[in-house]
PDB file of N, CA and C in Angstrom:
ATOM      1  N   UNK A   1     -32.233 -39.173 149.964  1.00  0.00           N
ATOM      2  CA  UNK A   1     -32.925 -38.235 150.090  1.00  0.00           C
ATOM      3  C   UNK A   1     -33.813 -38.418 150.985  1.00  0.00           C
ATOM      4  N   UNK A   2     -34.751 -37.739 152.133  1.00  0.00           N
ATOM      5  CA  UNK A   2     -35.510 -38.184 152.459  1.00  0.00           C
ATOM      6  C   UNK A   2     -36.450 -37.695 153.059  1.00  0.00           C
ATOM      7  N   UNK A   3     -36.843 -38.162 153.808  1.00  0.00           N
ATOM      8  CA  UNK A   3     -38.391 -37.306 153.808  1.00  0.00           C
ATOM      9  C   UNK A   3     -38.891 -37.177 154.708  1.00  0.00           C
ATOM     10  N   UNK A   4     -40.195 -36.037 155.389  1.00  0.00           N
ATOM     11  CA  UNK A   4     -40.270 -35.669 156.990  1.00  0.00           C
ATOM     12  C   UNK A   4     -41.817 -35.885 156.764  1.00  0.00           C
ATOM     13  N   UNK A   5     -42.482 -36.337 157.513  1.00  0.00           N
ATOM     14  CA  UNK A   5     -44.050 -36.808 156.839  1.00  0.00           C
ATOM     15  C   UNK A   5     -44.618 -35.839 158.681  1.00  0.00           C
ATOM     16  N   UNK A   6     -45.254 -35.055 158.211  1.00  0.00           N
ATOM     17  CA  UNK A   6     -46.228 -33.951 159.691  1.00  0.00           C
ATOM     18  C   UNK A   6     -47.567 -34.330 159.134  1.00  0.00           C
ATOM     19  N   UNK A   7     -48.198 -34.852 160.348  1.00  0.00           N
ATOM     20  CA  UNK A   7     -49.760 -35.403 160.255  1.00  0.00           C
ATOM     21  C   UNK A   7     -50.075 -34.211 161.450  1.00  0.00           C
ATOM     22  N   UNK A   8     -51.775 -33.702 161.152  1.00  0.00           N
ATOM     23  CA  UNK A   8     -52.423 -32.842 162.283  1.00  0.00           C
ATOM     24  C   UNK A   8     -53.424 -32.702 162.006  1.00  0.00           C
ATOM     25  N   UNK A   9     -54.827 -32.699 162.875  1.00  0.00           N
ATOM     26  CA  UNK A   9     -55.816 -32.685 162.676  1.00  0.00           C
ATOM     27  C   UNK A   9     -56.241 -31.692 163.420  1.00  0.00           C
ATOM     28  N   UNK A  10     -56.921 -30.457 162.102  1.00  0.00           N
ATOM     29  CA  UNK A  10     -57.641 -29.864 162.873  1.00  0.00           C
ATOM     30  C   UNK A  10     -58.923 -29.242 163.122  1.00  0.00           C
ATOM     31  N   UNK A  11     -60.344 -30.776 162.505  1.00  0.00           N
ATOM     32  CA  UNK A  11     -60.397 -30.253 162.663  1.00  0.00           C
ATOM     33  C   UNK A  11     -61.432 -29.582 161.340  1.00  0.00           C
ATOM     34  N   UNK A  12     -62.949 -29.991 162.041  1.00  0.00           N
ATOM     35  CA  UNK A  12     -64.149 -29.190 160.014  1.00  0.00           C
ATOM     36  C   UNK A  12     -63.701 -27.774 159.811  1.00  0.00           C
ATOM     37  N   UNK A  13     -63.946 -27.802 158.854  1.00  0.00           N
ATOM     38  CA  UNK A  13     -64.200 -25.637 158.619  1.00  0.00           C
ATOM     39  C   UNK A  13     -62.554 -25.552 158.582  1.00  0.00           C
ATOM     40  N   UNK A  14     -61.509 -25.780 158.521  1.00  0.00           N
ATOM     41  CA  UNK A  14     -60.271 -25.352 158.376  1.00  0.00           C
ATOM     42  C   UNK A  14     -59.404 -25.135 157.071  1.00  0.00           C
ATOM     43  N   UNK A  15     -59.397 -25.350 156.420  1.00  0.00           N
ATOM     44  CA  UNK A  15     -59.271 -25.761 155.171  1.00  0.00           C
ATOM     45  C   UNK A  15     -57.885 -24.283 155.630  1.00  0.00           C
ATOM     46  N   UNK A  16     -58.406 -22.339 155.938  1.00  0.00           N
ATOM     47  CA  UNK A  16     -58.043 -21.885 155.897  1.00  0.00           C
ATOM     48  C   UNK A  16     -56.957 -21.737 156.287  1.00  0.00           C
ATOM     49  N   UNK A  17     -57.421 -22.475 158.079  1.00  0.00           N
ATOM     50  CA  UNK A  17     -56.146 -22.379 158.688  1.00  0.00           C
ATOM     51  C   UNK A  17     -54.773 -23.009 158.617  1.00  0.00           C
ATOM     52  N   UNK A  18     -55.008 -24.006 157.846  1.00  0.00           N
ATOM     53  CA  UNK A  18     -54.226 -25.300 157.017  1.00  0.00           C
ATOM     54  C   UNK A  18     -52.825 -24.554 156.470  1.00  0.00           C
ATOM     55  N   UNK A  19     -54.045 -23.724 155.139  1.00  0.00           N
ATOM     56  CA  UNK A  19     -53.009 -23.164 154.082  1.00  0.00           C
ATOM     57  C   UNK A  19     -52.357 -21.775 154.573  1.00  0.00           C
ATOM     58  N   UNK A  20     -53.019 -21.335 155.698  1.00  0.00           N
ATOM     59  CA  UNK A  20     -51.680 -20.324 155.988  1.00  0.00           C
ATOM     60  C   UNK A  20     -50.738 -21.232 157.214  1.00  0.00           C
ATOM     61  N   UNK A  21     -50.456 -21.973 157.727  1.00  0.00           N
ATOM     62  CA  UNK A  21     -49.919 -22.864 158.970  1.00  0.00           C
ATOM     63  C   UNK A  21     -48.780 -22.964 156.933  1.00  0.00           C
ATOM     64  N   UNK A  22     -49.734 -24.557 156.279  1.00  0.00           N
ATOM     65  CA  UNK A  22     -48.461 -24.240 155.250  1.00  0.00           C
ATOM     66  C   UNK A  22     -47.724 -23.459 154.582  1.00  0.00           C
ATOM     67  N   UNK A  23     -48.322 -22.217 154.595  1.00  0.00           N
ATOM     68  CA  UNK A  23     -47.960 -20.627 153.552  1.00  0.00           C
ATOM     69  C   UNK A  23     -46.772 -20.375 154.059  1.00  0.00           C
ATOM     70  N   UNK A  24     -47.367 -20.217 155.967  1.00  0.00           N
ATOM     71  CA  UNK A  24     -45.647 -19.800 156.718  1.00  0.00           C
ATOM     72  C   UNK A  24     -44.690 -20.871 157.165  1.00  0.00           C
ATOM     73  N   UNK A  25     -45.380 -22.022 156.695  1.00  0.00           N
ATOM     74  CA  UNK A  25     -44.146 -23.133 157.053  1.00  0.00           C
ATOM     75  C   UNK A  25     -43.085 -23.163 155.657  1.00  0.00           C
ATOM     76  N   UNK A  26     -43.625 -23.081 154.897  1.00  0.00           N
ATOM     77  CA  UNK A  26     -42.398 -23.215 153.429  1.00  0.00           C
ATOM     78  C   UNK A  26     -42.210 -22.181 153.397  1.00  0.00           C
ATOM     79  N   UNK A  27     -42.221 -20.277 153.852  1.00  0.00           N
ATOM     80  CA  UNK A  27     -41.771 -19.989 153.870  1.00  0.00           C
ATOM     81  C   UNK A  27     -40.089 -19.778 154.572  1.00  0.00           C
ATOM     82  N   UNK A  28     -40.446 -20.498 155.950  1.00  0.00           N
ATOM     83  CA  UNK A  28     -39.034 -20.697 156.906  1.00  0.00           C
ATOM     84  C   UNK A  28     -38.369 -21.340 156.385  1.00  0.00           C
ATOM     85  N   UNK A  29     -38.748 -22.454 155.507  1.00  0.00           N
ATOM     86  CA  UNK A  29     -38.251 -23.622 154.994  1.00  0.00           C
ATOM     87  C   UNK A  29     -36.984 -23.275 153.552  1.00  0.00           C
ATOM     88  N   UNK A  30     -37.738 -22.002 153.042  1.00  0.00           N
ATOM     89  CA  UNK A  30     -37.125 -21.381 151.844  1.00  0.00           C
ATOM     90  C   UNK A  30     -35.589 -21.246 152.703  1.00  0.00           C
ATOM     91  N   UNK A  31     -35.730 -20.279 153.329  1.00  0.00           N
ATOM     92  CA  UNK A  31     -35.119 -19.468 153.870  1.00  0.00           C
ATOM     93  C   UNK A  31     -34.273 -20.139 154.588  1.00  0.00           C
ATOM     94  N   UNK A  32     -34.236 -21.749 155.330  1.00  0.00           N
ATOM     95  CA  UNK A  32     -33.266 -21.869 155.891  1.00  0.00           C
ATOM     96  C   UNK A  32     -32.063 -22.992 155.347  1.00  0.00           C
ATOM     97  N   UNK A  33     -30.772 -22.647 156.180  1.00  0.00           N
ATOM     98  CA  UNK A  33     -29.691 -22.691 154.860  1.00  0.00           C
ATOM     99  C   UNK A  33     -29.194 -24.449 154.503  1.00  0.00           C
ATOM    100  N   UNK A  34     -29.886 -25.405 155.216  1.00  0.00           N
ATOM    101  CA  UNK A  34     -30.038 -26.698 155.300  1.00  0.00           C
ATOM    102  C   UNK A  34     -30.577 -27.307 153.703  1.00  0.00           C
ATOM    103  N   UNK A  35     -30.403 -28.396 153.446  1.00  0.00           N
ATOM    104  CA  UNK A  35     -30.673 -29.614 152.481  1.00  0.00           C
ATOM    105  C   UNK A  35     -31.725 -29.631 151.636  1.00  0.00           C
ATOM    106  N   UNK A  36     -32.215 -28.366 151.935  1.00  0.00           N
ATOM    107  CA  UNK A  36     -34.009 -28.667 152.421  1.00  0.00           C
ATOM    108  C   UNK A  36     -34.529 -28.644 150.605  1.00  0.00           C
ATOM    109  N   UNK A  37     -35.192 -30.222 149.773  1.00  0.00           N
ATOM    110  CA  UNK A  37     -35.498 -30.092 148.290  1.00  0.00           C
ATOM    111  C   UNK A  37     -36.596 -29.460 148.313  1.00  0.00           C
ATOM    112  N   UNK A  38     -38.246 -29.801 148.550  1.00  0.00           N
ATOM    113  CA  UNK A  38     -38.806 -29.533 148.116  1.00  0.00           C
ATOM    114  C   UNK A  38     -40.144 -29.575 149.284  1.00  0.00           C
ATOM    115  N   UNK A  39     -41.409 -29.611 149.539  1.00  0.00           N
ATOM    116  CA  UNK A  39     -42.507 -29.428 150.741  1.00  0.00           C
ATOM    117  C   UNK A  39     -43.698 -29.512 149.298  1.00  0.00           C
ATOM    118  N   UNK A  40     -44.431 -30.793 150.377  1.00  0.00           N
ATOM    119  CA  UNK A  40     -46.082 -31.278 149.316  1.00  0.00           C
ATOM    120  C   UNK A  40     -46.765 -31.349 150.339  1.00  0.00           C
ATOM    121  N   UNK A  41     -48.153 -30.691 150.336  1.00  0.00           N
ATOM    122  CA  UNK A  41     -48.948 -30.840 151.418  1.00  0.00           C
ATOM    123  C   UNK A  41     -50.104 -31.624 151.408  1.00  0.00           C
ATOM    124  N   UNK A  42     -50.597 -32.264 151.905  1.00  0.00           N
ATOM    125  CA  UNK A  42     -52.555 -32.371 151.176  1.00  0.00           C
ATOM    126  C   UNK A  42     -53.325 -32.704 152.454  1.00  0.00           C
ATOM    127  N   UNK A  43     -54.575 -32.623 152.120  1.00  0.00           N
ATOM    128  CA  UNK A  43     -55.234 -32.177 153.502  1.00  0.00           C
ATOM    129  C   UNK A  43     -56.735 -33.407 152.537  1.00  0.00           C
ATOM    130  N   UNK A  44     -57.400 -33.525 153.750  1.00  0.00           N
ATOM    131  CA  UNK A  44     -58.916 -34.056 153.364  1.00  0.00           C
ATOM    132  C   UNK A  44     -59.223 -33.278 153.857  1.00  0.00           C
ATOM    133  N   UNK A  45     -59.885 -32.171 153.462  1.00  0.00           N
ATOM    134  CA  UNK A  45     -60.176 -30.943 153.989  1.00  0.00           C
ATOM    135  C   UNK A  45     -62.069 -30.583 155.009  1.00  0.00           C
ATOM    136  N   UNK A  46     -62.715 -32.109 154.443  1.00  0.00           N
ATOM    137  CA  UNK A  46     -63.509 -32.118 154.989  1.00  0.00           C
ATOM    138  C   UNK A  46     -64.105 -32.807 156.593  1.00  0.00           C
ATOM    139  N   UNK A  47     -62.105 -33.738 156.977  1.00  0.00           N
ATOM    140  CA  UNK A  47     -62.289 -34.284 157.351  1.00  0.00           C
ATOM    141  C   UNK A  47     -61.193 -33.341 158.863  1.00  0.00           C
ATOM    142  N   UNK A  48     -60.518 -32.346 158.071  1.00  0.00           N
ATOM    143  CA  UNK A  48     -60.131 -31.689 158.293  1.00  0.00           C
ATOM    144  C   UNK A  48     -58.609 -32.164 159.089  1.00  0.00           C
ATOM    145  N   UNK A  49     -58.339 -32.820 158.081  1.00  0.00           N
ATOM    146  CA  UNK A  49     -56.779 -33.744 158.363  1.00  0.00           C
ATOM    147  C   UNK A  49     -56.229 -33.342 157.287  1.00  0.00           C
ATOM    148  N   UNK A  50     -54.767 -33.290 158.287  1.00  0.00           N
ATOM    149  CA  UNK A  50     -53.360 -32.067 157.265  1.00  0.00           C
ATOM    150  C   UNK A  50     -52.027 -33.631 156.988  1.00  0.00           C
ATOM    151  N   UNK A  51     -51.226 -33.148 156.238  1.00  0.00           N
ATOM    152  CA  UNK A  51     -50.135 -33.958 156.034  1.00  0.00           C
ATOM    153  C   UNK A  51     -49.664 -32.880 155.262  1.00  0.00           C
ATOM    154  N   UNK A  52     -48.152 -32.871 155.752  1.00  0.00           N
ATOM    155  CA  UNK A  52     -46.861 -32.170 155.274  1.00  0.00           C
ATOM    156  C   UNK A  52     -45.798 -33.217 154.930  1.00  0.00           C
ATOM    157  N   UNK A  53     -45.297 -33.157 153.345  1.00  0.00           N
ATOM    158  CA  UNK A  53     -44.295 -34.122 153.336  1.00  0.00           C
ATOM    159  C   UNK A  53     -42.880 -33.763 152.902  1.00  0.00           C
ATOM    160  N   UNK A  54     -42.348 -32.947 154.265  1.00  0.00           N
ATOM    161  CA  UNK A  54     -41.130 -32.358 153.695  1.00  0.00           C
ATOM    162  C   UNK A  54     -39.388 -33.318 152.636  1.00  0.00           C
ATOM    163  N   UNK A  55     -38.932 -32.655 151.777  1.00  0.00           N
ATOM    164  CA  UNK A  55     -38.311 -34.098 151.141  1.00  0.00           C
ATOM    165  C   UNK A  55     -36.890 -33.539 151.895  1.00  0.00           C
ATOM    166  N   UNK A  56     -35.882 -33.857 152.030  1.00  0.00           N
ATOM    167  CA  UNK A  56     -34.641 -33.267 152.358  1.00  0.00           C
ATOM    168  C   UNK A  56     -33.446 -34.165 151.796  1.00  0.00           C
ATOM    169  N   UNK A  57     -32.479 -33.117 151.034  1.00  0.00           N
ATOM    170  CA  UNK A  57     -31.209 -34.026 150.499  1.00  0.00           C
ATOM    171  C   UNK A  57     -30.473 -34.841 151.000  1.00  0.00           C
ATOM    172  N   UNK A  58     -30.288 -34.563 152.722  1.00  0.00           N
ATOM    173  CA  UNK A  58     -30.076 -35.475 153.381  1.00  0.00           C
ATOM    174  C   UNK A  58     -30.561 -35.792 155.096  1.00  0.00           C
ATOM    175  N   UNK A  59     -30.035 -37.106 155.689  1.00  0.00           N
ATOM    176  CA  UNK A  59     -31.388 -37.436 156.910  1.00  0.00           C
ATOM    177  C   UNK A  59     -30.448 -36.339 157.908  1.00  0.00           C
ATOM    178  N   UNK A  60     -28.954 -36.341 157.844  1.00  0.00           N
ATOM    179  CA  UNK A  60     -28.800 -35.438 158.567  1.00  0.00           C
ATOM    180  C   UNK A  60     -29.051 -34.315 158.632  1.00  0.00           C
ATOM    181  N   UNK A  61     -29.635 -33.330 157.915  1.00  0.00           N
ATOM    182  CA  UNK A  61     -30.203 -32.458 157.285  1.00  0.00           C
ATOM    183  C   UNK A  61     -31.609 -32.616 157.853  1.00  0.00           C
ATOM    184  N   UNK A  62     -31.991 -33.658 157.555  1.00  0.00           N
ATOM    185  CA  UNK A  62     -33.437 -33.722 157.604  1.00  0.00           C
ATOM    186  C   UNK A  62     -33.751 -33.878 159.222  1.00  0.00           C
ATOM    187  N   UNK A  63     -32.722 -33.575 159.987  1.00  0.00           N
ATOM    188  CA  UNK A  63     -32.835 -34.378 161.119  1.00  0.00           C
ATOM    189  C   UNK A  63     -32.514 -32.684 162.206  1.00  0.00           C
ATOM    190  N   UNK A  64     -31.036 -32.584 161.595  1.00  0.00           N
ATOM    191  CA  UNK A  64     -31.409 -31.073 162.118  1.00  0.00           C
ATOM    192  C   UNK A  64     -32.834 -30.094 162.157  1.00  0.00           C
ATOM    193  N   UNK A  65     -33.074 -30.462 160.962  1.00  0.00           N
ATOM    194  CA  UNK A  65     -34.206 -29.055 160.752  1.00  0.00           C
ATOM    195  C   UNK A  65     -35.217 -29.850 161.768  1.00  0.00           C
ATOM    196  N   UNK A  66     -35.314 -31.181 162.176  1.00  0.00           N
ATOM    197  CA  UNK A  66     -36.392 -31.581 162.945  1.00  0.00           C
ATOM    198  C   UNK A  66     -36.398 -30.890 163.758  1.00  0.00           C
ATOM    199  N   UNK A  67     -35.257 -30.535 164.324  1.00  0.00           N
ATOM    200  CA  UNK A  67     -35.070 -29.524 165.911  1.00  0.00           C
ATOM    201  C   UNK A  67     -35.194 -28.661 165.641  1.00  0.00           C
ATOM    202  N   UNK A  68     -34.722 -27.506 164.571  1.00  0.00           N
ATOM    203  CA  UNK A  68     -34.899 -26.872 164.568  1.00  0.00           C
ATOM    204  C   UNK A  68     -35.993 -25.851 164.440  1.00  0.00           C
ATOM    205  N   UNK A  69     -37.110 -26.363 163.363  1.00  0.00           N
ATOM    206  CA  UNK A  69     -38.539 -26.867 163.052  1.00  0.00           C
ATOM    207  C   UNK A  69     -39.841 -26.610 164.073  1.00  0.00           C
ATOM    208  N   UNK A  70     -39.425 -27.966 164.929  1.00  0.00           N
ATOM    209  CA  UNK A  70     -40.292 -28.796 165.110  1.00  0.00           C
ATOM    210  C   UNK A  70     -41.407 -27.848 166.464  1.00  0.00           C
ATOM    211  N   UNK A  71     -40.621 -27.318 167.265  1.00  0.00           N
ATOM    212  CA  UNK A  71     -41.294 -26.480 168.839  1.00  0.00           C
ATOM    213  C   UNK A  71     -41.945 -24.977 167.505  1.00  0.00           C
ATOM    214  N   UNK A  72     -41.411 -24.352 167.457  1.00  0.00           N
ATOM    215  CA  UNK A  72     -42.543 -23.571 166.080  1.00  0.00           C
ATOM    216  C   UNK A  72     -43.584 -24.151 165.671  1.00  0.00           C
ATOM    217  N   UNK A  73     -43.208 -24.756 164.957  1.00  0.00           N
ATOM    218  CA  UNK A  73     -44.247 -26.066 164.440  1.00  0.00           C
ATOM    219  C   UNK A  73     -45.406 -26.450 165.486  1.00  0.00           C
ATOM    220  N   UNK A  74     -44.791 -27.141 166.361  1.00  0.00           N
ATOM    221  CA  UNK A  74     -46.436 -28.159 167.251  1.00  0.00           C
ATOM    222  C   UNK A  74     -46.347 -26.550 167.676  1.00  0.00           C
ATOM    223  N   UNK A  75     -45.790 -24.773 167.772  1.00  0.00           N
ATOM    224  CA  UNK A  75     -46.159 -23.660 168.350  1.00  0.00           C
ATOM    225  C   UNK A  75     -47.689 -23.430 167.360  1.00  0.00           C
ATOM    226  N   UNK A  76     -47.837 -23.349 166.026  1.00  0.00           N
ATOM    227  CA  UNK A  76     -47.958 -22.863 165.675  1.00  0.00           C
ATOM    228  C   UNK A  76     -49.616 -23.832 164.828  1.00  0.00           C
ATOM    229  N   UNK A  77     -49.321 -24.936 165.099  1.00  0.00           N
ATOM    230  CA  UNK A  77     -50.514 -26.389 164.774  1.00  0.00           C
ATOM    231  C   UNK A  77     -51.000 -26.314 166.432  1.00  0.00           C
ATOM    232  N   UNK A  78     -50.774 -27.109 166.912  1.00  0.00           N
ATOM    233  CA  UNK A  78     -51.278 -27.834 168.479  1.00  0.00           C
ATOM    234  C   UNK A  78     -52.100 -26.789 169.109  1.00  0.00           C
ATOM    235  N   UNK A  79     -51.722 -25.701 169.502  1.00  0.00           N
ATOM    236  CA  UNK A  79     -53.426 -25.087 169.540  1.00  0.00           C
ATOM    237  C   UNK A  79     -54.555 -25.188 168.859  1.00  0.00           C
ATOM    238  N   UNK A  80     -54.454 -25.467 167.767  1.00  0.00           N
ATOM    239  CA  UNK A  80     -55.622 -25.543 166.541  1.00  0.00           C
ATOM    240  C   UNK A  80     -55.983 -26.624 167.020  1.00  0.00           C
ATOM    241  N   UNK A  81     -55.105 -27.429 167.585  1.00  0.00           N
ATOM    242  CA  UNK A  81     -54.936 -29.153 166.886  1.00  0.00           C
ATOM    243  C   UNK A  81     -55.902 -30.257 167.863  1.00  0.00           C
ATOM    244  N   UNK A  82     -56.748 -31.418 167.630  1.00  0.00           N
ATOM    245  CA  UNK A  82     -57.547 -31.765 168.202  1.00  0.00           C
ATOM    246  C   UNK A  82     -56.626 -33.327 168.839  1.00  0.00           C
ATOM    247  N   UNK A  83     -55.366 -33.582 168.116  1.00  0.00           N
ATOM    248  CA  UNK A  83     -54.166 -33.972 168.632  1.00  0.00           C
ATOM    249  C   UNK A  83     -53.377 -33.599 168.140  1.00  0.00           C
ATOM    250  N   UNK A  84     -52.713 -34.403 169.111  1.00  0.00           N
ATOM    251  CA  UNK A  84     -51.251 -34.038 168.744  1.00  0.00           C
ATOM    252  C   UNK A  84     -50.486 -34.627 167.541  1.00  0.00           C
ATOM    253  N   UNK A  85     -49.256 -33.226 167.371  1.00  0.00           N
ATOM    254  CA  UNK A  85     -48.601 -33.748 165.592  1.00  0.00           C
ATOM    255  C   UNK A  85     -47.559 -34.773 165.844  1.00  0.00           C
ATOM    256  N   UNK A  86     -48.291 -35.573 164.723  1.00  0.00           N
ATOM    257  CA  UNK A  86     -47.429 -36.171 164.563  1.00  0.00           C
ATOM    258  C   UNK A  86     -46.054 -36.722 163.251  1.00  0.00           C
ATOM    259  N   UNK A  87     -45.282 -37.039 163.834  1.00  0.00           N
ATOM    260  CA  UNK A  87     -43.417 -36.396 162.790  1.00  0.00           C
ATOM    261  C   UNK A  87     -42.996 -37.830 162.887  1.00  0.00           C
ATOM    262  N   UNK A  88     -42.501 -38.596 160.760  1.00  0.00           N
ATOM    263  CA  UNK A  88     -42.016 -39.653 160.900  1.00  0.00           C
ATOM    264  C   UNK A  88     -41.145 -39.107 159.932  1.00  0.00           C
ATOM    265  N   UNK A  89     -40.023 -39.892 159.227  1.00  0.00           N
ATOM    266  CA  UNK A  89     -38.426 -39.993 158.908  1.00  0.00           C
ATOM    267  C   UNK A  89     -38.791 -40.729 157.945  1.00  0.00           C
ATOM    268  N   UNK A  90     -38.948 -41.260 156.607  1.00  0.00           N
ATOM    269  CA  UNK A  90     -38.572 -42.137 155.820  1.00  0.00           C
ATOM    270  C   UNK A  90     -37.437 -41.586 154.677  1.00  0.00           C
ATOM    271  N   UNK A  91     -36.771 -42.473 154.581  1.00  0.00           N
ATOM    272  CA  UNK A  91     -35.773 -42.523 152.955  1.00  0.00           C
ATOM    273  C   UNK A  91     -36.591 -43.436 152.078  1.00  0.00           C
ATOM    274  N   UNK A  92     -35.697 -41.983 150.587  1.00  0.00           N
ATOM    275  CA  UNK A  92     -36.699 -41.778 150.203  1.00  0.00           C
ATOM    276  C   UNK A  92     -36.065 -42.408 148.336  1.00  0.00           C
ATOM    277  N   UNK A  93     -36.952 -43.874 148.056  1.00  0.00           N
ATOM    278  CA  UNK A  93     -36.763 -44.637 147.295  1.00  0.00           C
ATOM    279  C   UNK A  93     -37.048 -44.616 145.383  1.00  0.00           C
ATOM    280  N   UNK A  94     -36.383 -43.163 144.536  1.00  0.00           N
ATOM    281  CA  UNK A  94     -37.033 -43.187 143.076  1.00  0.00           C
ATOM    282  C   UNK A  94     -36.133 -44.241 142.596  1.00  0.00           C
ATOM    283  N   UNK A  95     -38.115 -44.613 142.030  1.00  0.00           N
ATOM    284  CA  UNK A  95     -37.864 -46.119 141.090  1.00  0.00           C
ATOM    285  C   UNK A  95     -37.090 -46.458 139.734  1.00  0.00           C
ATOM    286  N   UNK A  96     -36.361 -46.955 139.295  1.00  0.00           N
ATOM    287  CA  UNK A  96     -35.659 -46.742 138.212  1.00  0.00           C
ATOM    288  C   UNK A  96     -36.163 -47.141 136.897  1.00  0.00           C
ATOM    289  N   UNK A  97     -36.443 -46.693 135.888  1.00  0.00           N
ATOM    290  CA  UNK A  97     -37.190 -46.353 134.573  1.00  0.00           C
ATOM    291  C   UNK A  97     -36.483 -47.783 133.788  1.00  0.00           C
ATOM    292  N   UNK A  98     -37.135 -48.419 133.854  1.00  0.00           N
ATOM    293  CA  UNK A  98     -36.730 -49.836 133.010  1.00  0.00           C
ATOM    294  C   UNK A  98     -38.582 -50.332 132.008  1.00  0.00           C
ATOM    295  N   UNK A  99     -38.086 -50.922 131.346  1.00  0.00           N
ATOM    296  CA  UNK A  99     -38.874 -51.046 130.038  1.00  0.00           C
ATOM    297  C   UNK A  99     -40.130 -52.577 130.481  1.00  0.00           C
ATOM    298  N   UNK A 100     -40.900 -52.278 130.435  1.00  0.00           N
ATOM    299  CA  UNK A 100     -41.814 -53.753 130.157  1.00  0.00           C
ATOM    300  C   UNK A 100     -42.527 -54.284 129.837  1.00  0.00           C
ATOM    301  N   UNK A 101     -42.850 -55.366 129.820  1.00  0.00           N
ATOM    302  CA  UNK A 101     -43.740 -55.574 128.426  1.00  0.00           C
ATOM    303  C   UNK A 101     -45.028 -56.171 129.041  1.00  0.00           C
ATOM    304  N   UNK A 102     -46.328 -55.678 129.613  1.00  0.00           N
ATOM    305  CA  UNK A 102     -47.026 -56.413 130.216  1.00  0.00           C
ATOM    306  C   UNK A 102     -48.001 -55.445 130.059  1.00  0.00           C
ATOM    307  N   UNK A 103     -49.322 -56.848 129.110  1.00  0.00           N
ATOM    308  CA  UNK A 103     -50.338 -56.266 128.453  1.00  0.00           C
ATOM    309  C   UNK A 103     -51.131 -55.719 129.695  1.00  0.00           C
ATOM    310  N   UNK A 104     -52.052 -54.921 129.606  1.00  0.00           N
ATOM    311  CA  UNK A 104     -52.581 -54.238 130.881  1.00  0.00           C
ATOM    312  C   UNK A 104     -53.670 -54.949 130.584  1.00  0.00           C
ATOM    313  N   UNK A 105     -54.287 -55.220 129.170  1.00  0.00           N
ATOM    314  CA  UNK A 105     -55.664 -55.446 129.019  1.00  0.00           C
ATOM    315  C   UNK A 105     -56.152 -56.627 129.940  1.00  0.00           C
ATOM    316  N   UNK A 106     -54.763 -57.429 129.967  1.00  0.00           N
ATOM    317  CA  UNK A 106     -56.223 -59.067 130.344  1.00  0.00           C
ATOM    318  C   UNK A 106     -55.975 -58.348 132.570  1.00  0.00           C
ATOM    319  N   UNK A 107     -55.663 -57.203 132.507  1.00  0.00           N
ATOM    320  CA  UNK A 107     -56.623 -56.880 134.035  1.00  0.00           C
ATOM    321  C   UNK A 107     -57.771 -56.538 134.237  1.00  0.00           C
ATOM    322  N   UNK A 108     -58.505 -55.830 133.058  1.00  0.00           N
ATOM    323  CA  UNK A 108     -59.039 -55.074 132.778  1.00  0.00           C
ATOM    324  C   UNK A 108     -60.804 -55.622 133.448  1.00  0.00           C
TER     325      UNK A 108
END
């Protein structure tokens, strides 16, 4: 799995705008025929800083989708953004389920 992290800053009192962008962008992702998995959004509402983490099944799907969606996303965000949108691509590691015998009380 691959994650595309999109960061943007809209400034103070922009929660409604960030949520509108997230709603529209998510609807478009769901319509896309690529191997989209899911998306999470994070916000530091007081500062107006936002992040979307879009998960894709494959790197190829993520790269193809970035090319398709980035111009639209930039248009939605950058007209009101204080800084240029940033975008990073990460491989996702899912931890193995293992048993550990550690007494956490010793660290309190």
